[in-house]
Amino acid sequence: MNNEKVITAKDLTRKFGDFVAVDHISFEVAKGEIFGFLGANGAGKTTAMKMLIGISKPTEGKATVAGFDVKTHSEQVKKNIGYMSQKFSLYDDLTMK
C-alpha cells in the first residue's frame, strides 16, 4: 500500500450554532486506499463530505485533500477531485465550468 496521504483530517468539526454536526473527526486516507463513511442518518457523513469537497468550511480542525487545505484552497480541492453523491442534495452547490 502506498503511504502517500491524499486526504487528512485532524479534529475536523462543523457546528451550526450550538448543534455539533461533525465532532472532531480525525483520519487519513492513503493513495489507492478505499475509504467510506458509515453511520446512521444524522451522523454527520454528508456534512463531513461537504467540508472535504470544499463547499462547507470547517468550524474547527484542519483537513487537506490532494494536498490542498479545504479552508483556504477549496477551489483547488474542487479541481482535483471527482465526487458523485448518492442523493441529489449537493448538486445545487456544485457548478460546471
C-alpha atoms as a PDB file:
ATOM      1  CA  MET A   1       0.000   0.000   0.000  1.00  0.00           C
ATOM      2  CA  ASN A   2       1.247   3.471  -0.885  1.00  0.00           C
ATOM      3  CA  ASN A   3       1.967   5.708   2.123  1.00  0.00           C
ATOM      4  CA  GLU A   4       1.150   8.965   0.286  1.00  0.00           C
ATOM      5  CA  LYS A   5      -1.798  10.599   2.079  1.00  0.00           C
ATOM      6  CA  VAL A   6      -4.418  12.019  -0.269  1.00  0.00           C
ATOM      7  CA  ILE A   7      -6.850  13.001   2.487  1.00  0.00           C
ATOM      8  CA  THR A   8      -6.012  14.042   6.015  1.00  0.00           C
ATOM      9  CA  ALA A   9      -8.411  15.271   8.669  1.00  0.00           C
ATOM     10  CA  LYS A  10      -7.400  16.364  12.153  1.00  0.00           C
ATOM     11  CA  ASP A  11     -10.101  17.268  14.679  1.00  0.00           C
ATOM     12  CA  LEU A  12     -12.436  18.301  11.839  1.00  0.00           C
ATOM     13  CA  THR A  13     -15.565  19.868  13.327  1.00  0.00           C
ATOM     14  CA  ARG A  14     -18.670  21.575  11.965  1.00  0.00           C
ATOM     15  CA  LYS A  15     -21.122  23.403  14.188  1.00  0.00           C
ATOM     16  CA  PHE A  16     -24.404  25.082  13.328  1.00  0.00           C
ATOM     17  CA  GLY A  17     -24.994  27.347  16.313  1.00  0.00           C
ATOM     18  CA  ASP A  18     -24.992  25.082  19.364  1.00  0.00           C
ATOM     19  CA  PHE A  19     -25.553  21.950  17.259  1.00  0.00           C
ATOM     20  CA  VAL A  20     -22.408  19.913  16.531  1.00  0.00           C
ATOM     21  CA  ALA A  21     -22.879  18.061  13.236  1.00  0.00           C
ATOM     22  CA  VAL A  22     -19.313  16.698  12.979  1.00  0.00           C
ATOM     23  CA  ASP A  23     -17.354  16.366  16.216  1.00  0.00           C
ATOM     24  CA  HIS A  24     -13.541  16.384  15.970  1.00  0.00           C
ATOM     25  CA  ILE A  25     -13.065  13.566  13.440  1.00  0.00           C
ATOM     26  CA  SER A  26      -9.504  12.591  12.528  1.00  0.00           C
ATOM     27  CA  PHE A  27      -8.358  10.169   9.837  1.00  0.00           C
ATOM     28  CA  GLU A  28      -6.011   9.709   6.895  1.00  0.00           C
ATOM     29  CA  VAL A  29      -6.598   8.088   3.531  1.00  0.00           C
ATOM     30  CA  ALA A  30      -3.618   6.797   1.573  1.00  0.00           C
ATOM     31  CA  LYS A  31      -3.378   6.863  -2.208  1.00  0.00           C
ATOM     32  CA  GLY A  32      -5.093   3.748  -3.572  1.00  0.00           C
ATOM     33  CA  GLU A  33      -6.974   3.033  -0.353  1.00  0.00           C
ATOM     34  CA  ILE A  34     -10.738   2.530  -0.380  1.00  0.00           C
ATOM     35  CA  PHE A  35     -12.411   4.556   2.347  1.00  0.00           C
ATOM     36  CA  GLY A  36     -16.022   5.273   3.234  1.00  0.00           C
ATOM     37  CA  PHE A  37     -18.262   6.768   5.881  1.00  0.00           C
ATOM     38  CA  LEU A  38     -20.816   4.534   7.568  1.00  0.00           C
ATOM     39  CA  GLY A  39     -23.397   5.706  10.060  1.00  0.00           C
ATOM     40  CA  ALA A  40     -26.996   6.371  10.853  1.00  0.00           C
ATOM     41  CA  ASN A  41     -28.989   9.219   9.351  1.00  0.00           C
ATOM     42  CA  GLY A  42     -27.884  12.435  11.027  1.00  0.00           C
ATOM     43  CA  ALA A  43     -24.444  11.100  11.975  1.00  0.00           C
ATOM     44  CA  GLY A  44     -22.615  13.823  10.005  1.00  0.00           C
ATOM     45  CA  LYS A  45     -21.497  11.888   6.920  1.00  0.00           C
ATOM     46  CA  THR A  46     -22.797  14.400   4.384  1.00  0.00           C
ATOM     47  CA  THR A  47     -21.578  17.358   6.430  1.00  0.00           C
ATOM     48  CA  ALA A  48     -18.105  15.802   6.603  1.00  0.00           C
ATOM     49  CA  MET A  49     -18.114  15.250   2.836  1.00  0.00           C
ATOM     50  CA  LYS A  50     -19.242  18.839   2.199  1.00  0.00           C
ATOM     51  CA  MET A  51     -16.223  20.051   4.173  1.00  0.00           C
ATOM     52  CA  LEU A  52     -13.844  17.697   2.378  1.00  0.00           C
ATOM     53  CA  ILE A  53     -15.028  18.676  -1.115  1.00  0.00           C
ATOM     54  CA  GLY A  54     -14.779  22.381  -0.358  1.00  0.00           C
ATOM     55  CA  ILE A  55     -18.407  23.512  -0.264  1.00  0.00           C
ATOM     56  CA  SER A  56     -18.637  23.992   3.514  1.00  0.00           C
ATOM     57  CA  LYS A  57     -15.930  25.386   5.777  1.00  0.00           C
ATOM     58  CA  PRO A  58     -14.982  23.568   8.971  1.00  0.00           C
ATOM     59  CA  THR A  59     -15.721  25.371  12.227  1.00  0.00           C
ATOM     60  CA  GLU A  60     -12.611  23.825  13.799  1.00  0.00           C
ATOM     61  CA  GLY A  61      -9.801  21.499  12.828  1.00  0.00           C
ATOM     62  CA  LYS A  62      -7.866  21.020   9.619  1.00  0.00           C
ATOM     63  CA  ALA A  63      -8.174  18.902   6.513  1.00  0.00           C
ATOM     64  CA  THR A  64      -6.301  18.529   3.261  1.00  0.00           C
ATOM     65  CA  VAL A  65      -7.459  16.865   0.076  1.00  0.00           C
ATOM     66  CA  ALA A  66      -4.976  16.236  -2.747  1.00  0.00           C
ATOM     67  CA  GLY A  67      -2.505  18.357  -0.780  1.00  0.00           C
ATOM     68  CA  PHE A  68      -4.782  21.410  -0.572  1.00  0.00           C
ATOM     69  CA  ASP A  69      -6.219  22.884   2.626  1.00  0.00           C
ATOM     70  CA  VAL A  70     -10.025  22.671   2.481  1.00  0.00           C
ATOM     71  CA  LYS A  71     -10.441  26.027   4.277  1.00  0.00           C
ATOM     72  CA  THR A  72      -8.006  28.145   2.297  1.00  0.00           C
ATOM     73  CA  HIS A  73      -7.801  26.384  -1.086  1.00  0.00           C
ATOM     74  CA  SER A  74     -11.296  24.981  -1.647  1.00  0.00           C
ATOM     75  CA  GLU A  75     -11.252  25.835  -5.362  1.00  0.00           C
ATOM     76  CA  GLN A  76      -8.051  23.814  -5.815  1.00  0.00           C
ATOM     77  CA  VAL A  77      -9.651  20.917  -3.934  1.00  0.00           C
ATOM     78  CA  LYS A  78     -12.628  21.015  -6.313  1.00  0.00           C
ATOM     79  CA  LYS A  79     -10.328  20.975  -9.347  1.00  0.00           C
ATOM     80  CA  ASN A  80      -8.579  17.826  -8.106  1.00  0.00           C
ATOM     81  CA  ILE A  81     -11.455  15.574  -7.060  1.00  0.00           C
ATOM     82  CA  GLY A  82     -14.349  13.654  -8.515  1.00  0.00           C
ATOM     83  CA  TYR A  83     -17.466  13.291  -6.423  1.00  0.00           C
ATOM     84  CA  MET A  84     -20.800  11.579  -7.075  1.00  0.00           C
ATOM     85  CA  SER A  85     -23.404  11.828  -4.379  1.00  0.00           C
ATOM     86  CA  GLN A  86     -25.859   9.020  -3.678  1.00  0.00           C
ATOM     87  CA  LYS A  87     -28.554  11.694  -3.412  1.00  0.00           C
ATOM     88  CA  PHE A  88     -29.038  14.947  -5.272  1.00  0.00           C
ATOM     89  CA  SER A  89     -28.551  17.023  -2.105  1.00  0.00           C
ATOM     90  CA  LEU A  90     -25.261  18.620  -3.191  1.00  0.00           C
ATOM     91  CA  TYR A  91     -25.941  19.315  -6.857  1.00  0.00           C
ATOM     92  CA  ASP A  92     -27.259  22.846  -6.270  1.00  0.00           C
ATOM     93  CA  ASP A  93     -23.905  23.730  -4.659  1.00  0.00           C
ATOM     94  CA  LEU A  94     -21.716  22.355  -7.461  1.00  0.00           C
ATOM     95  CA  THR A  95     -21.151  24.240 -10.714  1.00  0.00           C
ATOM     96  CA  MET A  96     -19.829  23.301 -14.131  1.00  0.00           C
ATOM     97  CA  LYS A  97     -17.006  25.387 -15.571  1.00  0.00           C
END
